[in-house]
Amino acid sequence: MPLRTRTHWFGVVLDAPDASELAHFYQRLLGWTLFKDTPGWATLAPSADHGYNLAFQQEPNYVRPVWPSEPGRPLMMLHLDLEVDDLEEAVAHAVGVGAEVAQFQPQEDVRVLLDPAGHPFCLYVDDGEGAPEAEDAPGSSA
């Protein structure tokens, strides 16, 4: 039997040296509502009933990941794919709210950026086929 609850929320939690700071970055980036903001934990979502959220947990031993990966260095454990309407406009907005464009860009139609804690995330325009292919994502061999 699949996991189910009455409200069935899905969330992704990112570790960070400062949970509140990273939550505020994603709030500016996505325009979502901040629902909880404490020194150790913060949560935001598109709305109270949307069914998914991003949360941020303060980790005192957090080490910024290296991307692209390098042997013996901290690896990215996941990344977010965010569909946008206009790639260059979205990149400009992301940089304006505190993101950094990654030096290595594996493909022309996706931009890899780093949030203030160093987590990579991808901006892409849907070409009618959905999210970028797994082999095209950061950390892949593409």
C-alpha atoms as a PDB file:
ATOM      1  CA  MET A   1       0.000   0.000   0.000  1.00  0.00           C
ATOM      2  CA  PRO A   2       1.465   3.414  -0.937  1.00  0.00           C
ATOM      3  CA  LEU A   3       2.074   5.968   1.772  1.00  0.00           C
ATOM      4  CA  ARG A   4      -0.961   8.197   2.128  1.00  0.00           C
ATOM      5  CA  THR A   5      -2.255  10.780   4.541  1.00  0.00           C
ATOM      6  CA  ARG A   6      -5.449  12.743   4.466  1.00  0.00           C
ATOM      7  CA  THR A   7      -3.700  15.829   3.083  1.00  0.00           C
ATOM      8  CA  HIS A   8      -0.730  14.086   1.387  1.00  0.00           C
ATOM      9  CA  TRP A   9       2.014  16.712   1.436  1.00  0.00           C
ATOM     10  CA  PHE A  10       5.320  16.190  -0.331  1.00  0.00           C
ATOM     11  CA  GLY A  11       8.392  18.140   0.634  1.00  0.00           C
ATOM     12  CA  VAL A  12      12.081  18.438  -0.064  1.00  0.00           C
ATOM     13  CA  VAL A  13      14.420  19.495   2.747  1.00  0.00           C
ATOM     14  CA  LEU A  14      17.755  21.181   2.061  1.00  0.00           C
ATOM     15  CA  ASP A  15      20.440  21.361   4.738  1.00  0.00           C
ATOM     16  CA  ALA A  16      22.071  24.751   5.152  1.00  0.00           C
ATOM     17  CA  PRO A  17      24.368  26.644   7.489  1.00  0.00           C
ATOM     18  CA  ASP A  18      21.457  29.094   8.035  1.00  0.00           C
ATOM     19  CA  ALA A  19      17.979  27.668   7.364  1.00  0.00           C
ATOM     20  CA  SER A  20      16.191  31.016   7.528  1.00  0.00           C
ATOM     21  CA  GLU A  21      18.620  32.738   5.161  1.00  0.00           C
ATOM     22  CA  LEU A  22      18.282  30.015   2.536  1.00  0.00           C
ATOM     23  CA  ALA A  23      14.482  29.967   2.895  1.00  0.00           C
ATOM     24  CA  HIS A  24      14.354  33.711   2.285  1.00  0.00           C
ATOM     25  CA  PHE A  25      16.471  33.271  -0.861  1.00  0.00           C
ATOM     26  CA  TYR A  26      14.023  30.686  -2.254  1.00  0.00           C
ATOM     27  CA  GLN A  27      11.084  32.878  -1.204  1.00  0.00           C
ATOM     28  CA  ARG A  28      12.510  35.715  -3.328  1.00  0.00           C
ATOM     29  CA  LEU A  29      13.373  33.328  -6.169  1.00  0.00           C
ATOM     30  CA  LEU A  30      10.008  31.536  -6.358  1.00  0.00           C
ATOM     31  CA  GLY A  31       7.614  34.090  -4.877  1.00  0.00           C
ATOM     32  CA  TRP A  32       6.221  31.451  -2.501  1.00  0.00           C
ATOM     33  CA  THR A  33       4.839  32.032   0.999  1.00  0.00           C
ATOM     34  CA  LEU A  34       7.035  31.482   4.039  1.00  0.00           C
ATOM     35  CA  PHE A  35       5.021  29.402   6.522  1.00  0.00           C
ATOM     36  CA  LYS A  36       7.613  28.732   9.223  1.00  0.00           C
ATOM     37  CA  ASP A  37      10.789  30.661   9.910  1.00  0.00           C
ATOM     38  CA  THR A  38      12.851  29.717  12.950  1.00  0.00           C
ATOM     39  CA  PRO A  39      16.626  29.690  13.410  1.00  0.00           C
ATOM     40  CA  GLY A  40      16.813  25.931  12.789  1.00  0.00           C
ATOM     41  CA  TRP A  41      13.928  25.247  10.410  1.00  0.00           C
ATOM     42  CA  ALA A  42      12.031  27.131   7.732  1.00  0.00           C
ATOM     43  CA  THR A  43       9.318  26.067   5.283  1.00  0.00           C
ATOM     44  CA  LEU A  44       7.796  27.696   2.220  1.00  0.00           C
ATOM     45  CA  ALA A  45       5.205  26.627  -0.353  1.00  0.00           C
ATOM     46  CA  PRO A  46       3.143  28.130  -3.170  1.00  0.00           C
ATOM     47  CA  SER A  47       0.108  28.128  -0.847  1.00  0.00           C
ATOM     48  CA  ALA A  48      -1.182  26.452   2.309  1.00  0.00           C
ATOM     49  CA  ASP A  49      -3.055  23.814   0.304  1.00  0.00           C
ATOM     50  CA  HIS A  50      -0.789  23.271  -2.707  1.00  0.00           C
ATOM     51  CA  GLY A  51       0.455  19.858  -1.552  1.00  0.00           C
ATOM     52  CA  TYR A  52       4.218  20.394  -1.735  1.00  0.00           C
ATOM     53  CA  ASN A  53       6.842  22.529  -0.064  1.00  0.00           C
ATOM     54  CA  LEU A  54      10.508  23.293   0.311  1.00  0.00           C
ATOM     55  CA  ALA A  55      11.962  23.171   3.787  1.00  0.00           C
ATOM     56  CA  PHE A  56      15.355  24.165   5.123  1.00  0.00           C
ATOM     57  CA  GLN A  57      17.132  22.631   8.080  1.00  0.00           C
ATOM     58  CA  GLN A  58      20.065  24.227   9.830  1.00  0.00           C
ATOM     59  CA  GLU A  59      23.052  21.884   9.827  1.00  0.00           C
ATOM     60  CA  PRO A  60      26.011  23.062  11.921  1.00  0.00           C
ATOM     61  CA  ASN A  61      28.381  20.721  10.062  1.00  0.00           C
ATOM     62  CA  TYR A  62      27.156  21.704   6.599  1.00  0.00           C
ATOM     63  CA  VAL A  63      29.835  21.649   3.905  1.00  0.00           C
ATOM     64  CA  ARG A  64      29.161  23.395   0.604  1.00  0.00           C
ATOM     65  CA  PRO A  65      28.987  20.856  -2.263  1.00  0.00           C
ATOM     66  CA  VAL A  66      31.282  21.069  -5.269  1.00  0.00           C
ATOM     67  CA  TRP A  67      29.730  21.091  -8.730  1.00  0.00           C
ATOM     68  CA  PRO A  68      30.627  19.613 -11.049  1.00  0.00           C
ATOM     69  CA  SER A  69      31.786  16.849  -8.765  1.00  0.00           C
ATOM     70  CA  GLU A  70      35.444  16.251  -8.004  1.00  0.00           C
ATOM     71  CA  PRO A  71      36.933  13.143  -6.401  1.00  0.00           C
ATOM     72  CA  GLY A  72      37.301  13.514  -2.641  1.00  0.00           C
ATOM     73  CA  ARG A  73      35.198  16.710  -2.448  1.00  0.00           C
ATOM     74  CA  PRO A  74      31.653  17.107  -1.009  1.00  0.00           C
ATOM     75  CA  LEU A  75      29.098  15.930  -3.571  1.00  0.00           C
ATOM     76  CA  MET A  76      25.764  17.454  -4.472  1.00  0.00           C
ATOM     77  CA  MET A  77      23.123  15.092  -3.088  1.00  0.00           C
ATOM     78  CA  LEU A  78      20.213  16.401  -5.145  1.00  0.00           C
ATOM     79  CA  HIS A  79      19.259  19.366  -7.267  1.00  0.00           C
ATOM     80  CA  LEU A  80      16.020  21.142  -8.128  1.00  0.00           C
ATOM     81  CA  ASP A  81      14.748  21.493 -11.717  1.00  0.00           C
ATOM     82  CA  LEU A  82      12.645  24.653 -12.090  1.00  0.00           C
ATOM     83  CA  GLU A  83      10.701  25.249 -15.279  1.00  0.00           C
ATOM     84  CA  VAL A  84      10.644  28.882 -16.432  1.00  0.00           C
ATOM     85  CA  ASP A  85       9.034  30.800 -19.299  1.00  0.00           C
ATOM     86  CA  ASP A  86      12.127  32.725 -20.434  1.00  0.00           C
ATOM     87  CA  LEU A  87      15.545  31.301 -19.617  1.00  0.00           C
ATOM     88  CA  GLU A  88      17.639  34.470 -19.775  1.00  0.00           C
ATOM     89  CA  GLU A  89      15.048  36.502 -17.857  1.00  0.00           C
ATOM     90  CA  ALA A  90      14.849  33.789 -15.189  1.00  0.00           C
ATOM     91  CA  VAL A  91      18.649  33.635 -14.864  1.00  0.00           C
ATOM     92  CA  ALA A  92      18.780  37.421 -14.426  1.00  0.00           C
ATOM     93  CA  HIS A  93      16.088  37.239 -11.741  1.00  0.00           C
ATOM     94  CA  ALA A  94      17.856  34.392  -9.929  1.00  0.00           C
ATOM     95  CA  VAL A  95      21.169  36.251  -9.928  1.00  0.00           C
ATOM     96  CA  GLY A  96      19.367  39.393  -8.766  1.00  0.00           C
ATOM     97  CA  VAL A  97      18.007  37.613  -5.672  1.00  0.00           C
ATOM     98  CA  GLY A  98      21.337  36.021  -4.752  1.00  0.00           C
ATOM     99  CA  ALA A  99      22.060  32.996  -6.990  1.00  0.00           C
ATOM    100  CA  GLU A 100      25.355  32.444  -8.754  1.00  0.00           C
ATOM    101  CA  VAL A 101      25.646  31.080 -12.298  1.00  0.00           C
ATOM    102  CA  ALA A 102      27.737  27.903 -12.217  1.00  0.00           C
ATOM    103  CA  GLN A 103      30.897  28.073 -14.290  1.00  0.00           C
ATOM    104  CA  PHE A 104      30.220  24.710 -15.940  1.00  0.00           C
ATOM    105  CA  GLN A 105      27.084  24.578 -18.103  1.00  0.00           C
ATOM    106  CA  PRO A 106      26.530  21.111 -19.625  1.00  0.00           C
ATOM    107  CA  GLN A 107      23.834  22.120 -22.115  1.00  0.00           C
ATOM    108  CA  GLU A 108      22.555  25.141 -24.034  1.00  0.00           C
ATOM    109  CA  ASP A 109      18.878  24.968 -23.041  1.00  0.00           C
ATOM    110  CA  VAL A 110      19.388  24.618 -19.261  1.00  0.00           C
ATOM    111  CA  ARG A 111      21.196  26.929 -16.857  1.00  0.00           C
ATOM    112  CA  VAL A 112      22.782  25.568 -13.706  1.00  0.00           C
ATOM    113  CA  LEU A 113      22.891  28.031 -10.830  1.00  0.00           C
ATOM    114  CA  LEU A 114      24.019  27.785  -7.228  1.00  0.00           C
ATOM    115  CA  ASP A 115      21.968  29.010  -4.291  1.00  0.00           C
ATOM    116  CA  PRO A 116      23.706  30.920  -1.472  1.00  0.00           C
ATOM    117  CA  ALA A 117      24.526  27.630   0.324  1.00  0.00           C
ATOM    118  CA  GLY A 118      26.000  26.136  -2.867  1.00  0.00           C
ATOM    119  CA  HIS A 119      23.145  23.771  -3.783  1.00  0.00           C
ATOM    120  CA  PRO A 120      22.937  23.528  -7.593  1.00  0.00           C
ATOM    121  CA  PHE A 121      19.547  24.092  -9.222  1.00  0.00           C
ATOM    122  CA  CYS A 122      18.552  24.106 -12.886  1.00  0.00           C
ATOM    123  CA  LEU A 123      16.368  26.536 -14.787  1.00  0.00           C
ATOM    124  CA  TYR A 124      14.900  25.254 -18.042  1.00  0.00           C
ATOM    125  CA  VAL A 125      12.188  26.029 -20.576  1.00  0.00           C
ATOM    126  CA  ASP A 126       9.806  23.156 -21.328  1.00  0.00           C
ATOM    127  CA  ASP A 127      10.261  22.082 -24.934  1.00  0.00           C
ATOM    128  CA  GLY A 128       7.061  20.060 -24.791  1.00  0.00           C
ATOM    129  CA  GLU A 129       8.796  16.978 -23.424  1.00  0.00           C
ATOM    130  CA  GLY A 130       8.821  17.906 -19.707  1.00  0.00           C
ATOM    131  CA  ALA A 131      11.821  18.230 -17.396  1.00  0.00           C
ATOM    132  CA  PRO A 132      15.380  17.820 -18.664  1.00  0.00           C
ATOM    133  CA  GLU A 133      16.503  14.244 -19.197  1.00  0.00           C
ATOM    134  CA  ALA A 134      18.313  12.647 -16.281  1.00  0.00           C
ATOM    135  CA  GLU A 135      21.474  12.312 -18.342  1.00  0.00           C
ATOM    136  CA  ASP A 136      21.377  16.079 -18.971  1.00  0.00           C
ATOM    137  CA  ALA A 137      21.091  17.012 -15.313  1.00  0.00           C
ATOM    138  CA  PRO A 138      23.926  18.358 -13.134  1.00  0.00           C
ATOM    139  CA  GLY A 139      26.281  15.668 -12.005  1.00  0.00           C
ATOM    140  CA  SER A 140      25.532  13.508 -15.015  1.00  0.00           C
ATOM    141  CA  SER A 141      28.076  12.435 -17.541  1.00  0.00           C
ATOM    142  CA  ALA A 142      26.530  14.582 -20.290  1.00  0.00           C
END
